[in-house]
Amino acid sequence: MTHVNNRLFDEFAKLMNDAAGVAQGVRGEAENMFRAQIERFIGDMDLVTRDEFEAVKAMAIAARDENEALKARLVALESKISNGDEA
């Protein structure tokens, strides 16, 4: 009887190991499918890359600096005109 119980437990353990392997495989497939769906979703969105963002950011900073320089030049010219010092 002990031998039958041991064999029964061995078969049950083997069955559980097989079931765990199948469950792990299903989990891996589900993760892959989820990852593919997320990548497709993000790909469909109109997102920019980090490099594109940094390039536009640099352009905006340069435009702002140029705008500030032109504003200062305009203020100086207006001051010069209002003081009667025609150029």
Protein backbone atom coordinates (compact mmCIF):
# COMPACT_ATOMS: atom_id res chain seq x y z
CA MET A 1 0.00 0.00 0.00
CA THR A 2 2.89 2.37 0.78
CA HIS A 3 4.33 1.73 -2.66
CA VAL A 4 0.98 2.56 -4.28
CA ASN A 5 0.68 5.78 -2.24
CA ASN A 6 4.21 6.82 -3.19
CA ARG A 7 3.51 6.12 -6.85
CA LEU A 8 0.24 8.04 -6.62
CA PHE A 9 2.04 10.99 -5.03
CA ASP A 10 4.78 10.81 -7.67
CA GLU A 11 2.20 10.87 -10.47
CA PHE A 12 0.37 13.72 -8.78
CA ALA A 13 3.60 15.71 -8.39
CA LYS A 14 4.46 15.09 -12.04
CA LEU A 15 0.99 16.26 -13.05
CA MET A 16 1.38 19.43 -10.96
CA ASN A 17 4.81 20.11 -12.48
CA ASP A 18 3.37 19.71 -15.96
CA ALA A 19 0.44 21.98 -15.09
CA ALA A 20 2.84 24.59 -13.69
CA GLY A 21 4.87 24.43 -16.91
CA VAL A 22 1.75 24.91 -19.01
CA ALA A 23 0.61 27.78 -16.81
CA GLN A 24 4.00 29.42 -17.15
CA GLY A 25 3.84 29.01 -20.92
CA VAL A 26 0.37 30.56 -21.02
CA ARG A 27 1.59 33.41 -18.86
CA GLY A 28 4.52 34.01 -21.21
CA GLU A 29 2.20 34.03 -24.23
CA ALA A 30 -0.18 36.44 -22.48
CA GLU A 31 2.71 38.77 -21.62
CA ASN A 32 3.95 38.69 -25.22
CA MET A 33 0.48 39.44 -26.57
CA PHE A 34 0.01 42.27 -24.07
CA ARG A 35 3.42 43.73 -24.92
CA ALA A 36 2.63 43.56 -28.65
CA GLN A 37 -0.72 45.30 -28.09
CA ILE A 38 0.92 48.07 -26.03
CA GLU A 39 3.65 48.55 -28.65
CA ARG A 40 1.01 48.77 -31.39
CA PHE A 41 -1.05 51.23 -29.32
CA ILE A 42 1.98 53.45 -28.69
CA GLY A 43 2.99 53.15 -32.34
CA ASP A 44 -0.46 54.36 -33.41
CA MET A 45 -0.19 57.41 -31.17
CA ASP A 46 1.50 60.47 -32.61
CA LEU A 47 4.42 60.57 -30.17
CA VAL A 48 7.81 62.13 -30.75
CA THR A 49 11.14 60.61 -29.92
CA ARG A 50 13.41 62.08 -27.26
CA ASP A 51 15.80 63.32 -29.97
CA GLU A 52 12.98 65.13 -31.80
CA PHE A 53 11.78 66.68 -28.55
CA GLU A 54 15.27 67.88 -27.64
CA ALA A 55 15.76 69.38 -31.13
CA VAL A 56 12.50 71.35 -30.94
CA LYS A 57 13.34 72.42 -27.39
CA ALA A 58 16.71 73.78 -28.56
CA MET A 59 14.99 75.63 -31.41
CA ALA A 60 12.49 77.19 -28.97
CA ILE A 61 15.29 78.31 -26.65
CA ALA A 62 17.19 79.86 -29.57
CA ALA A 63 14.03 81.63 -30.79
CA ARG A 64 13.32 82.96 -27.30
CA ASP A 65 16.89 84.27 -26.95
CA GLU A 66 16.68 85.94 -30.36
CA ASN A 67 13.30 87.46 -29.45
CA GLU A 68 14.72 88.89 -26.22
CA ALA A 69 17.71 90.35 -28.09
CA LEU A 70 15.43 91.94 -30.70
CA LYS A 71 13.19 93.32 -27.97
CA ALA A 72 16.17 94.94 -26.24
CA ARG A 73 17.33 96.39 -29.57
CA LEU A 74 13.84 97.76 -30.26
CA VAL A 75 13.65 99.37 -26.82
CA ALA A 76 17.05 100.99 -27.40
CA LEU A 77 16.01 102.29 -30.82
CA GLU A 78 12.69 103.63 -29.50
CA SER A 79 14.52 105.35 -26.65
CA LYS A 80 16.98 106.87 -29.09
CA ILE A 81 14.12 108.17 -31.32
CA SER A 82 12.12 109.55 -28.41
CA ASN A 83 15.19 111.48 -27.19
CA GLY A 84 15.52 113.15 -30.59
CA ASP A 85 18.76 111.36 -31.45
CA GLU A 86 17.82 110.32 -34.99
CA ALA A 87 20.13 107.70 -36.38
